[in-house]
Amino acid sequence: MKILISGGAGFLGSFLVESLIKEDHDITVVDDFSTVKYHALPEKVKLIKGKIESTDLNEKFDYVVHLAARPSPEDYIQHPVETAMSNSMGTYKMLEITRKSDGVMVYTSSSEVYGSAEIVPTPETYWGKVNPNGIRSCYDESKRFSEALIMSYYREYGLDVRIQRPFNVYGPRLREDGSYGRVVSRFIYQAIKGEDITIFGDGNQTRAFLYVDDWVNATLKMMFLKSLKGEVFNVGSNKEMKIIDLASMILEMSGSTSKIKFLPPRPDDPPRRAADISKAREKLGWEPKVSVEDGLKKTIEWFREQL
């Protein structure tokens, strides 16, 4: 199959590309490398370096996967316009490519569309509780707009679109540095380096963590299974974990003597998050296979090798 992937050099994209290239698919990646640190694209992949919102392609593709985004809160707060553009004009560009190709589009949305959810674990039917003009709105609301635009193409043009909402995916290659650092990779890096483990707030906020291999498996099912036109799926775990407990687990598993340091809470940071995956179990035949302990072990080992 001929497949176009925006953001294919990033954390999620690189693992998806590796899996697809093993099946000898023809892969084209569009990426501007603005958030990429550990990029690992196979030689057979065609790379177009640039932003998807300013890329024009006349080729046709069987599958289009839109991953390009700035998903780290510290990063997208610093780059709100670029963040909103990839989830507006970028999504429009990918939809138009899909429509002209008569292909299938898979959009990687986010659990952020739920905001501070009042139902946890949260089902796909929950509409969300999001601040439309707050400091996180450049990401949260542009993801919600993308979903609205995608479903508009589905309803008006009959386009075969599928939307996934990942929940805190982690693993090797997830950036740990500066404003790009995500909670798992940042904690692991700090623990290995003997630095303070920095927690925003009191650490009682919860997240549900998904190892990247499980995300890839769900994404492949969403791409290639039939009869998923217009469907939306949570791709995550239903097992909540307090951030303070995550920090303690990483400290123990890494053998670190780092201390925990509490920082002021982030504005509009959701207090709880976990996925209701009933629909993914039923329609995709999918559920997470990798435990948090096993996933963290693999991720810690990878970061030790890098450092």
Protein backbone atom coordinates (compact mmCIF):
# COMPACT_ATOMS: atom_id res chain seq x y z
CA MET A 1 0.00 0.00 0.00
CA LYS A 2 1.02 3.60 -0.57
CA ILE A 3 0.92 5.46 2.77
CA LEU A 4 1.45 9.12 3.71
CA ILE A 5 2.36 9.92 7.33
CA SER A 6 2.66 13.46 8.67
CA GLY A 7 4.96 13.69 11.68
CA GLY A 8 6.40 10.32 10.73
CA ALA A 9 9.89 11.11 12.08
CA GLY A 10 8.62 11.81 15.60
CA PHE A 11 8.11 9.55 18.58
CA LEU A 12 4.89 7.83 17.50
CA GLY A 13 5.55 8.15 13.80
CA SER A 14 8.95 6.47 13.83
CA PHE A 15 7.56 3.34 15.50
CA LEU A 16 4.59 3.21 13.12
CA VAL A 17 6.87 3.62 10.10
CA GLU A 18 9.15 0.81 11.31
CA SER A 19 6.19 -1.53 11.62
CA LEU A 20 4.74 -0.63 8.21
CA ILE A 21 8.05 -0.80 6.35
CA LYS A 22 8.50 -4.41 7.50
CA GLU A 23 5.40 -5.24 5.44
CA ASP A 24 7.00 -3.57 2.40
CA HIS A 25 4.54 -0.68 2.18
CA ASP A 26 5.52 2.42 0.19
CA ILE A 27 5.91 5.13 2.87
CA THR A 28 6.14 8.90 2.44
CA VAL A 29 6.81 11.00 5.55
CA VAL A 30 6.25 14.75 5.91
CA ASP A 31 8.02 16.23 8.94
CA ASP A 32 9.68 19.54 9.73
CA PHE A 33 11.70 18.00 12.61
CA SER A 34 10.61 20.83 14.93
CA THR A 35 9.97 18.40 17.80
CA VAL A 36 12.21 15.51 16.72
CA LYS A 37 15.28 14.47 18.71
CA TYR A 38 15.65 10.69 18.34
CA HIS A 39 14.70 10.30 14.69
CA ALA A 40 15.14 6.92 13.09
CA LEU A 41 13.62 6.61 9.62
CA PRO A 42 14.49 3.59 7.47
CA GLU A 43 16.33 4.34 4.22
CA LYS A 44 13.43 3.14 2.05
CA VAL A 45 11.15 5.89 3.38
CA LYS A 46 10.60 8.94 1.17
CA LEU A 47 11.07 12.07 3.31
CA ILE A 48 9.61 15.49 2.59
CA LYS A 49 11.06 17.97 5.05
CA GLY A 50 8.56 20.68 5.89
CA LYS A 51 5.33 21.53 7.66
CA ILE A 52 2.30 19.60 6.50
CA GLU A 53 0.21 22.78 6.44
CA SER A 54 2.52 24.26 3.77
CA THR A 55 3.21 21.06 1.81
CA ASP A 56 1.54 20.44 -1.55
CA LEU A 57 1.39 16.89 -2.85
CA ASN A 58 -0.15 15.75 -6.12
CA GLU A 59 0.40 12.05 -5.47
CA LYS A 60 -2.38 9.67 -4.46
CA PHE A 61 -2.21 7.49 -1.35
CA ASP A 62 -4.17 4.48 -0.14
CA TYR A 63 -3.80 5.56 3.50
CA VAL A 64 -3.12 8.94 5.09
CA VAL A 65 -2.08 9.14 8.76
CA HIS A 66 -2.00 12.59 10.37
CA LEU A 67 0.33 12.59 13.38
CA ALA A 68 2.02 15.99 13.06
CA ALA A 69 1.50 17.96 16.30
CA ARG A 70 3.27 19.62 19.22
CA PRO A 71 1.91 17.46 22.07
CA SER A 72 4.09 18.57 25.01
CA PRO A 73 2.28 21.18 27.18
CA GLU A 74 5.38 23.28 27.89
CA ASP A 75 6.20 23.27 24.17
CA TYR A 76 2.76 24.07 22.77
CA ILE A 77 2.25 26.81 25.35
CA GLN A 78 5.40 28.43 23.91
CA HIS A 79 4.28 27.83 20.30
CA PRO A 80 0.49 28.30 20.31
CA VAL A 81 0.13 29.48 16.70
CA GLU A 82 2.22 26.67 15.20
CA THR A 83 0.33 24.21 17.39
CA ALA A 84 -3.07 25.40 16.20
CA MET A 85 -1.97 25.46 12.56
CA SER A 86 -0.93 21.80 12.41
CA ASN A 87 -4.34 20.87 13.81
CA SER A 88 -6.29 23.13 11.46
CA MET A 89 -4.60 23.82 8.12
CA GLY A 90 -2.51 20.67 8.49
CA THR A 91 -5.63 18.58 9.00
CA TYR A 92 -7.33 20.30 6.06
CA LYS A 93 -4.35 19.50 3.80
CA MET A 94 -4.37 15.84 4.83
CA LEU A 95 -8.13 15.60 4.30
CA GLU A 96 -7.85 17.06 0.80
CA ILE A 97 -5.08 14.59 -0.07
CA THR A 98 -7.25 11.75 1.21
CA ARG A 99 -10.31 12.99 -0.71
CA LYS A 100 -8.41 13.33 -3.99
CA SER A 101 -6.91 9.88 -3.42
CA ASP A 102 -10.21 8.27 -2.43
CA GLY A 103 -8.19 6.83 0.43
CA VAL A 104 -8.52 6.18 4.16
CA MET A 105 -7.46 8.76 6.75
CA VAL A 106 -6.51 8.00 10.36
CA TYR A 107 -6.24 11.06 12.57
CA THR A 108 -4.35 11.00 15.85
CA SER A 109 -6.35 13.31 18.07
CA SER A 110 -5.74 13.33 21.83
CA SER A 111 -7.28 12.55 25.20
CA GLU A 112 -6.92 16.31 25.71
CA VAL A 113 -10.20 16.75 23.84
CA TYR A 114 -11.91 15.61 27.04
CA GLY A 115 -10.32 18.38 29.13
CA SER A 116 -11.08 18.00 32.84
CA ALA A 117 -13.37 15.03 32.33
CA GLU A 118 -16.20 14.49 34.80
CA ILE A 119 -16.41 10.79 33.87
CA VAL A 120 -13.31 8.64 34.45
CA PRO A 121 -12.52 6.23 32.77
CA THR A 122 -13.82 8.41 29.95
CA PRO A 123 -15.84 6.98 27.03
CA GLU A 124 -15.77 8.30 23.48
CA THR A 125 -19.34 9.57 23.94
CA TYR A 126 -18.23 12.15 26.54
CA TRP A 127 -18.25 15.63 24.99
CA GLY A 128 -15.47 17.14 27.07
CA LYS A 129 -14.95 20.00 29.50
CA VAL A 130 -12.38 22.30 27.93
CA ASN A 131 -11.42 25.95 28.45
CA PRO A 132 -11.85 27.38 24.91
CA ASN A 133 -9.44 30.30 25.37
CA GLY A 134 -7.13 29.13 28.15
CA ILE A 135 -3.39 28.57 27.95
CA ARG A 136 -3.88 24.97 26.72
CA SER A 137 -6.62 25.80 24.22
CA CYS A 138 -4.19 26.10 21.30
CA TYR A 139 -3.78 22.33 21.54
CA ASP A 140 -7.02 21.12 23.12
CA GLU A 141 -9.37 23.14 20.95
CA SER A 142 -7.43 22.68 17.73
CA LYS A 143 -7.61 18.92 18.25
CA ARG A 144 -11.35 19.28 18.79
CA PHE A 145 -11.60 21.42 15.63
CA SER A 146 -9.69 18.77 13.69
CA GLU A 147 -12.20 16.15 14.77
CA ALA A 148 -15.08 18.42 13.74
CA LEU A 149 -13.52 19.09 10.32
CA ILE A 150 -12.79 15.40 9.76
CA MET A 151 -16.35 14.41 10.59
CA SER A 152 -17.59 17.19 8.27
CA TYR A 153 -15.65 15.57 5.42
CA TYR A 154 -17.16 12.23 6.39
CA ARG A 155 -20.70 13.61 6.35
CA GLU A 156 -20.41 15.82 3.26
CA TYR A 157 -18.11 13.76 1.06
CA GLY A 158 -18.48 10.26 2.51
CA LEU A 159 -14.74 10.17 3.19
CA ASP A 160 -13.42 7.10 5.02
CA VAL A 161 -12.00 8.68 8.17
CA ARG A 162 -11.06 7.13 11.52
CA ILE A 163 -10.15 9.11 14.66
CA GLN A 164 -8.08 7.87 17.58
CA ARG A 165 -7.61 9.54 20.95
CA PRO A 166 -4.34 8.34 22.52
CA PHE A 167 -3.80 8.53 26.28
CA ASN A 168 -0.25 9.24 27.52
CA VAL A 169 1.75 7.01 25.20
CA TYR A 170 5.37 6.51 26.31
CA GLY A 171 8.46 4.51 25.42
CA PRO A 172 11.93 4.86 23.87
CA ARG A 173 12.54 7.97 21.73
CA LEU A 174 10.09 10.08 23.72
CA ARG A 175 11.87 13.40 24.26
CA GLU A 176 12.91 14.20 27.80
CA ASP A 177 14.65 17.53 27.36
CA GLY A 178 13.62 21.14 27.91
CA SER A 179 10.11 22.19 27.04
CA TYR A 180 9.62 18.99 25.02
CA GLY A 181 9.98 16.67 28.01
CA ARG A 182 6.96 14.46 28.73
CA VAL A 183 6.33 13.13 32.20
CA VAL A 184 7.65 9.55 31.81
CA SER A 185 10.77 10.42 29.84
CA ARG A 186 11.48 13.48 31.98
CA PHE A 187 11.25 11.49 35.23
CA ILE A 188 13.49 8.74 33.82
CA TYR A 189 16.08 11.23 32.62
CA GLN A 190 16.09 13.07 35.95
CA ALA A 191 16.35 9.81 37.89
CA ILE A 192 19.26 8.51 35.81
CA LYS A 193 21.09 11.85 36.02
CA GLY A 194 20.51 12.13 39.78
CA GLU A 195 18.53 15.35 39.38
CA ASP A 196 15.38 16.27 41.31
CA ILE A 197 12.20 14.63 39.99
CA THR A 198 10.01 17.63 39.18
CA ILE A 199 6.25 17.25 39.66
CA PHE A 200 3.76 19.97 38.77
CA GLY A 201 1.23 20.26 41.59
CA ASP A 202 0.93 17.81 44.47
CA GLY A 203 1.34 14.65 42.39
CA ASN A 204 -2.14 13.34 43.13
CA GLN A 205 -3.32 13.99 39.59
CA THR A 206 -3.73 10.75 37.63
CA ARG A 207 -2.87 9.54 34.16
CA ALA A 208 -3.21 6.18 32.41
CA PHE A 209 -0.04 5.19 30.57
CA LEU A 210 0.20 3.21 27.32
CA TYR A 211 3.41 1.65 25.98
CA VAL A 212 4.19 2.60 22.38
CA ASP A 213 4.02 -0.99 21.05
CA ASP A 214 0.39 -1.19 22.16
CA TRP A 215 -0.33 2.11 20.42
CA VAL A 216 1.18 0.82 17.18
CA ASN A 217 -0.95 -2.32 17.31
CA ALA A 218 -4.13 -0.30 17.81
CA THR A 219 -3.20 2.09 14.99
CA LEU A 220 -2.56 -0.72 12.52
CA LYS A 221 -5.97 -2.19 13.33
CA MET A 222 -7.57 1.22 12.83
CA MET A 223 -5.86 1.59 9.46
CA PHE A 224 -6.55 -1.79 7.92
CA LEU A 225 -9.75 -3.19 9.45
CA LYS A 226 -12.86 -2.76 7.34
CA SER A 227 -16.12 -1.09 8.39
CA LEU A 228 -14.56 1.57 10.66
CA LYS A 229 -15.63 4.56 8.57
CA GLY A 230 -16.45 7.55 10.78
CA GLU A 231 -15.48 5.76 14.02
CA VAL A 232 -13.72 7.33 17.02
CA PHE A 233 -11.64 5.22 19.43
CA ASN A 234 -9.87 5.76 22.71
CA VAL A 235 -6.39 4.23 22.50
CA GLY A 236 -5.11 4.02 26.04
CA SER A 237 -5.27 2.31 29.39
CA ASN A 238 -8.14 2.24 31.86
CA LYS A 239 -5.75 1.95 34.81
CA GLU A 240 -5.22 5.25 36.59
CA MET A 241 -1.89 6.01 38.22
CA LYS A 242 -1.02 8.97 40.41
CA ILE A 243 1.93 11.00 39.13
CA ILE A 244 3.57 10.73 42.55
CA ASP A 245 3.33 6.93 42.29
CA LEU A 246 4.84 7.01 38.81
CA ALA A 247 7.77 9.03 40.15
CA SER A 248 8.27 6.58 43.04
CA MET A 249 8.17 3.59 40.67
CA ILE A 250 10.77 5.13 38.35
CA LEU A 251 13.03 5.99 41.28
CA GLU A 252 12.85 2.40 42.54
CA MET A 253 13.29 0.75 39.13
CA SER A 254 16.23 2.96 38.18
CA GLY A 255 17.93 2.67 41.57
CA SER A 256 18.11 6.45 41.73
CA THR A 257 18.73 8.55 44.82
CA SER A 258 17.01 11.60 43.31
CA LYS A 259 14.59 13.60 45.45
CA ILE A 260 11.09 14.67 44.45
CA LYS A 261 10.57 18.40 43.97
CA PHE A 262 7.09 19.89 43.69
CA LEU A 263 6.48 22.82 41.33
CA PRO A 264 3.41 25.06 40.97
CA PRO A 265 0.55 23.27 39.15
CA ARG A 266 0.04 23.89 35.44
CA PRO A 267 -3.02 25.99 34.52
CA ASP A 268 -6.04 23.90 33.42
CA ASP A 269 -4.17 20.63 34.07
CA PRO A 270 -6.79 17.83 34.20
CA PRO A 271 -6.90 16.23 37.67
CA ARG A 272 -7.73 12.73 36.40
CA ARG A 273 -7.39 10.83 33.16
CA ALA A 274 -8.03 7.25 32.08
CA ALA A 275 -9.58 5.66 29.01
CA ASP A 276 -12.76 3.64 28.71
CA ILE A 277 -11.57 1.11 26.11
CA SER A 278 -14.78 -0.92 25.82
CA LYS A 279 -15.29 0.18 22.21
CA ALA A 280 -11.70 -0.68 21.19
CA ARG A 281 -12.10 -4.12 22.76
CA GLU A 282 -15.37 -4.72 20.92
CA LYS A 283 -14.64 -3.29 17.44
CA LEU A 284 -10.86 -3.54 17.16
CA GLY A 285 -10.26 -6.62 19.29
CA TRP A 286 -7.59 -4.56 21.02
CA GLU A 287 -6.48 -3.88 24.56
CA PRO A 288 -3.10 -3.02 26.12
CA LYS A 289 -0.72 -5.96 26.53
CA VAL A 290 2.37 -4.31 28.04
CA SER A 291 2.22 -3.60 31.79
CA VAL A 292 3.49 -0.28 33.14
CA GLU A 293 6.30 -2.14 34.91
CA ASP A 294 7.48 -3.86 31.71
CA GLY A 295 7.11 -0.72 29.63
CA LEU A 296 9.05 1.39 32.11
CA LYS A 297 11.79 -1.24 32.29
CA LYS A 298 12.25 -1.13 28.51
CA THR A 299 12.17 2.65 28.46
CA ILE A 300 14.66 3.02 31.32
CA GLU A 301 17.05 0.59 29.61
CA TRP A 302 16.83 2.58 26.37
CA PHE A 303 17.56 5.88 28.10
CA ARG A 304 20.51 4.37 29.94
CA GLU A 305 21.99 3.41 26.57
CA GLN A 306 21.46 6.93 25.21
CA LEU A 307 23.04 8.58 28.24
